[in-house]
C-alpha atoms as a PDB file:
ATOM      1  CA  MET A   1      -4.134  11.161 -11.362  1.00  0.00           C
ATOM      2  CA  THR A   2      -5.606   8.793 -14.163  1.00  0.00           C
ATOM      3  CA  GLU A   3      -5.183   5.759 -11.622  1.00  0.00           C
ATOM      4  CA  MET A   4      -7.328   7.471  -9.173  1.00  0.00           C
ATOM      5  CA  ILE A   5      -9.942   8.425 -11.669  1.00  0.00           C
ATOM      6  CA  HIS A   6     -10.509   4.665 -12.711  1.00  0.00           C
ATOM      7  CA  LYS A   7     -10.301   3.584  -8.839  1.00  0.00           C
ATOM      8  CA  GLU A   8     -12.676   6.213  -7.369  1.00  0.00           C
ATOM      9  CA  ASP A   9     -16.167   7.053  -8.436  1.00  0.00           C
ATOM     10  CA  LEU A  10     -15.420  10.934  -8.911  1.00  0.00           C
ATOM     11  CA  ASP A  11     -17.661  13.621  -9.775  1.00  0.00           C
ATOM     12  CA  ALA A  12     -14.974  16.322  -9.971  1.00  0.00           C
ATOM     13  CA  VAL A  13     -11.338  16.975  -9.517  1.00  0.00           C
ATOM     14  CA  ASP A  14      -9.790  20.275  -8.334  1.00  0.00           C
ATOM     15  CA  ILE A  15      -6.358  20.766 -10.263  1.00  0.00           C
ATOM     16  CA  CYS A  16      -3.793  22.890  -7.988  1.00  0.00           C
ATOM     17  CA  THR A  17      -0.622  21.947  -9.431  1.00  0.00           C
ATOM     18  CA  PRO A  18       1.793  24.095 -11.131  1.00  0.00           C
ATOM     19  CA  PRO A  19       0.122  25.902 -14.234  1.00  0.00           C
ATOM     20  CA  ARG A  20       2.583  24.008 -16.659  1.00  0.00           C
ATOM     21  CA  THR A  21       0.657  20.663 -15.822  1.00  0.00           C
ATOM     22  CA  HIS A  22      -3.146  22.154 -15.704  1.00  0.00           C
ATOM     23  CA  SER A  23      -3.818  21.425 -19.432  1.00  0.00           C
ATOM     24  CA  GLY A  24      -2.803  17.591 -19.537  1.00  0.00           C
ATOM     25  CA  LEU A  25      -4.368  16.861 -16.034  1.00  0.00           C
ATOM     26  CA  ALA A  26      -7.629  18.800 -17.089  1.00  0.00           C
ATOM     27  CA  ILE A  27      -8.117  17.032 -20.282  1.00  0.00           C
ATOM     28  CA  GLY A  28      -7.230  13.626 -18.750  1.00  0.00           C
ATOM     29  CA  ALA A  29     -10.098  14.076 -16.390  1.00  0.00           C
ATOM     30  CA  MET A  30     -12.577  15.504 -18.790  1.00  0.00           C
ATOM     31  CA  GLU A  31     -11.822  12.296 -20.991  1.00  0.00           C
ATOM     32  CA  THR A  32     -12.907  10.099 -18.390  1.00  0.00           C
ATOM     33  CA  GLY A  33     -16.094  12.425 -17.840  1.00  0.00           C
ATOM     34  CA  VAL A  34     -14.926  13.945 -14.634  1.00  0.00           C
ATOM     35  CA  HIS A  35     -15.580  17.575 -14.338  1.00  0.00           C
ATOM     36  CA  ALA A  36     -12.337  19.984 -13.785  1.00  0.00           C
ATOM     37  CA  LEU A  37     -11.883  22.925 -11.638  1.00  0.00           C
ATOM     38  CA  VAL A  38      -8.574  24.474 -12.571  1.00  0.00           C
ATOM     39  CA  GLU A  39      -6.801  26.983 -10.248  1.00  0.00           C
ATOM     40  CA  LYS A  40      -5.597  29.831 -12.120  1.00  0.00           C
ATOM     41  CA  THR A  41      -3.634  30.257 -14.455  1.00  0.00           C
ATOM     42  CA  MET A  42      -5.559  28.236 -16.609  1.00  0.00           C
ATOM     43  CA  ALA A  43      -2.629  27.133 -18.734  1.00  0.00           C
ATOM     44  CA  LEU A  44       0.653  28.809 -19.882  1.00  0.00           C
ATOM     45  CA  HIS A  45      -0.343  28.724 -23.853  1.00  0.00           C
ATOM     46  CA  LEU A  46      -3.478  29.868 -25.429  1.00  0.00           C
ATOM     47  CA  SER A  47      -3.277  26.774 -27.380  1.00  0.00           C
ATOM     48  CA  ASP A  48      -3.707  24.773 -24.121  1.00  0.00           C
ATOM     49  CA  CYS A  49      -6.708  26.542 -23.095  1.00  0.00           C
ATOM     50  CA  GLY A  50      -8.244  26.021 -26.507  1.00  0.00           C
ATOM     51  CA  GLN A  51      -7.797  22.073 -25.990  1.00  0.00           C
ATOM     52  CA  MET A  52      -9.126  22.202 -22.501  1.00  0.00           C
ATOM     53  CA  ILE A  53     -12.252  24.354 -23.823  1.00  0.00           C
ATOM     54  CA  HIS A  54     -12.616  21.626 -26.862  1.00  0.00           C
ATOM     55  CA  MET A  55     -12.364  18.734 -24.473  1.00  0.00           C
ATOM     56  CA  SER A  56     -15.091  20.291 -22.395  1.00  0.00           C
ATOM     57  CA  HIS A  57     -17.458  20.788 -25.226  1.00  0.00           C
ATOM     58  CA  GLN A  58     -16.784  17.405 -26.544  1.00  0.00           C
ATOM     59  CA  THR A  59     -17.236  15.439 -23.483  1.00  0.00           C
ATOM     60  CA  GLY A  60     -20.256  17.596 -22.108  1.00  0.00           C
ATOM     61  CA  VAL A  61     -18.423  17.951 -18.680  1.00  0.00           C
ATOM     62  CA  LYS A  62     -17.610  21.087 -16.853  1.00  0.00           C
ATOM     63  CA  LEU A  63     -14.374  23.056 -17.135  1.00  0.00           C
ATOM     64  CA  CYS A  64     -14.190  25.757 -14.494  1.00  0.00           C
ATOM     65  CA  ILE A  65     -11.381  28.135 -13.873  1.00  0.00           C
ATOM     66  CA  ILE A  66     -11.239  29.515 -10.148  1.00  0.00           C
ATOM     67  CA  HIS A  67      -9.426  32.910  -9.478  1.00  0.00           C
ATOM     68  CA  ASN A  68      -9.297  33.016  -5.690  1.00  0.00           C
ATOM     69  CA  GLU A  69      -6.846  35.766  -5.309  1.00  0.00           C
ATOM     70  CA  LEU A  70      -7.676  38.211  -8.062  1.00  0.00           C
ATOM     71  CA  PHE A  71      -5.845  41.062  -6.413  1.00  0.00           C
ATOM     72  CA  ARG A  72      -2.250  39.259  -6.187  1.00  0.00           C
ATOM     73  CA  PRO A  73       0.408  39.240  -8.524  1.00  0.00           C
ATOM     74  CA  LEU A  74       0.539  36.259 -10.838  1.00  0.00           C
ATOM     75  CA  THR A  75       2.233  33.286  -9.590  1.00  0.00           C
ATOM     76  CA  LEU A  76       3.794  30.637 -11.687  1.00  0.00           C
END
């Protein structure tokens, strides 16, 4: 994804990969100034969530978590 961010003029990315990859991809996007929309589950560990939130505050870009299927069981 980093290569795509550097080649394209992106405002935001929608991260809809398996949850174990969310934090790394979101942090990578936010480090380059790109807003991150992350599908649920935000991350598998609370510490990863904290790092994502910290990066959003540090860079001033948006971090949004989308819960599109609130009434279905969690899918990992």
